[in-house]
Amino acid sequence: GLSYAWIFNNNTLSVQEDSRRFVSQETGNLYIAKVEPTDVGSYTCVVTNSKAERSVQGPPTPLTLRSDGVMGEYEPKIEVRFPETTYAAKGSSVKLECFALGK
């Protein structure tokens, strides 16, 4: 029953997922690929429990751009958080999250 969304700069509209932005419904993490100046601001996570019909906001997290242009070094890797076993009923859909990281 939990779902995750992110709010940008206290806007009541959630951050929309697109080719650069993804919200993991497994962890609640917000991933942004190729950060741009328009991404700079304050992000707040909103967790909703549909069964309790209640939402809670976390503290705001600021995103800033480094002025020195230096990017941290990331070795190429595939990051997965799959459970050891995933069960699914025949004909149902399963969503697995996998992220390619690197520079």
Protein backbone atom coordinates (compact mmCIF):
# COMPACT_ATOMS: atom_id res chain seq x y z
CA GLY A 1 0.00 0.00 0.00
CA LEU A 2 2.91 2.50 -0.01
CA SER A 3 3.64 4.78 -2.95
CA TYR A 4 6.31 7.45 -3.35
CA ALA A 5 6.35 10.82 -5.09
CA TRP A 6 8.60 13.88 -5.00
CA ILE A 7 7.65 17.56 -4.87
CA PHE A 8 9.96 20.20 -6.39
CA ASN A 9 10.29 23.66 -4.72
CA ASN A 10 7.16 23.15 -2.58
CA ASN A 11 5.04 22.89 -5.73
CA THR A 12 1.85 20.91 -5.12
CA LEU A 13 2.47 18.99 -8.36
CA SER A 14 4.74 15.97 -8.15
CA VAL A 15 7.96 15.63 -10.13
CA GLN A 16 6.97 13.99 -13.40
CA GLU A 17 8.89 10.92 -14.49
CA ASP A 18 10.43 11.21 -17.94
CA SER A 19 13.57 10.08 -19.78
CA ARG A 20 15.75 11.77 -17.10
CA ARG A 21 13.72 11.30 -13.89
CA PHE A 22 12.61 8.11 -12.19
CA VAL A 23 11.02 7.47 -8.79
CA SER A 24 11.63 3.97 -7.44
CA GLN A 25 8.43 2.55 -6.00
CA GLU A 26 10.60 -0.05 -4.24
CA THR A 27 12.85 2.36 -2.30
CA GLY A 28 11.29 5.80 -2.82
CA ASN A 29 14.56 7.13 -4.26
CA LEU A 30 14.49 9.84 -6.91
CA TYR A 31 17.01 9.34 -9.72
CA ILE A 32 17.94 12.18 -12.08
CA ALA A 33 20.18 11.49 -15.07
CA LYS A 34 22.21 14.32 -16.61
CA VAL A 35 21.37 17.04 -14.07
CA GLU A 36 20.58 20.42 -15.65
CA PRO A 37 20.41 23.94 -14.13
CA THR A 38 16.60 23.74 -14.12
CA ASP A 39 16.85 20.79 -11.70
CA VAL A 40 18.40 22.97 -8.98
CA GLY A 41 16.05 23.50 -6.05
CA SER A 42 14.46 21.74 -3.12
CA TYR A 43 13.01 18.22 -3.34
CA THR A 44 10.59 16.73 -0.80
CA CYS A 45 9.56 13.08 -0.70
CA VAL A 46 5.88 12.26 -0.14
CA VAL A 47 4.95 8.76 1.05
CA THR A 48 1.32 7.73 0.69
CA ASN A 49 -0.32 4.77 2.40
CA SER A 50 -3.40 3.99 0.30
CA LYS A 51 -4.91 1.66 2.90
CA ALA A 52 -4.71 4.28 5.67
CA GLU A 53 -5.53 7.07 3.17
CA ARG A 54 -2.69 9.14 4.62
CA SER A 55 0.35 10.93 3.20
CA VAL A 56 3.49 12.10 4.99
CA GLN A 57 6.12 14.53 3.70
CA GLY A 58 9.78 14.16 4.51
CA PRO A 59 12.22 17.03 5.04
CA PRO A 60 13.28 19.04 1.96
CA THR A 61 16.52 17.99 0.27
CA PRO A 62 18.39 20.72 -1.64
CA LEU A 63 20.01 20.00 -5.01
CA THR A 64 22.79 22.37 -6.06
CA LEU A 65 25.26 22.35 -8.94
CA ARG A 66 28.98 22.36 -8.24
CA SER A 67 30.57 25.55 -9.50
CA ASP A 68 33.97 23.89 -10.08
CA GLY A 69 32.59 21.55 -12.74
CA VAL A 70 34.17 18.52 -11.04
CA MET A 71 32.13 15.36 -11.10
CA GLY A 72 32.75 12.48 -8.74
CA GLU A 73 34.27 9.37 -10.23
CA TYR A 74 31.94 6.42 -10.63
CA GLU A 75 33.16 3.10 -11.89
CA PRO A 76 30.76 1.55 -14.41
CA LYS A 77 28.43 -0.88 -12.68
CA ILE A 78 24.89 -2.19 -12.75
CA GLU A 79 23.06 -1.64 -9.47
CA VAL A 80 20.26 -4.08 -8.75
CA ARG A 81 18.13 -4.59 -5.68
CA PHE A 82 16.23 -7.69 -6.67
CA PRO A 83 14.88 -9.96 -3.97
CA GLU A 84 16.54 -13.38 -3.97
CA THR A 85 13.32 -14.89 -5.35
CA THR A 86 10.48 -13.12 -7.12
CA TYR A 87 7.12 -14.88 -7.35
CA ALA A 88 4.47 -14.02 -9.92
CA ALA A 89 1.18 -15.51 -10.96
CA LYS A 90 0.94 -16.70 -14.56
CA GLY A 91 -0.23 -13.85 -16.78
CA SER A 92 0.65 -11.13 -14.24
CA SER A 93 3.27 -8.41 -14.67
CA VAL A 94 6.49 -8.07 -12.69
CA LYS A 95 8.58 -4.90 -12.48
CA LEU A 96 12.30 -5.19 -11.70
CA GLU A 97 14.41 -2.06 -11.19
CA CYS A 98 17.97 -1.93 -12.53
CA PHE A 99 20.26 1.10 -12.85
CA ALA A 100 23.40 1.55 -14.94
CA LEU A 101 25.87 3.88 -13.22
CA GLY A 102 29.12 5.27 -14.50
CA LYS A 103 30.94 8.09 -16.17
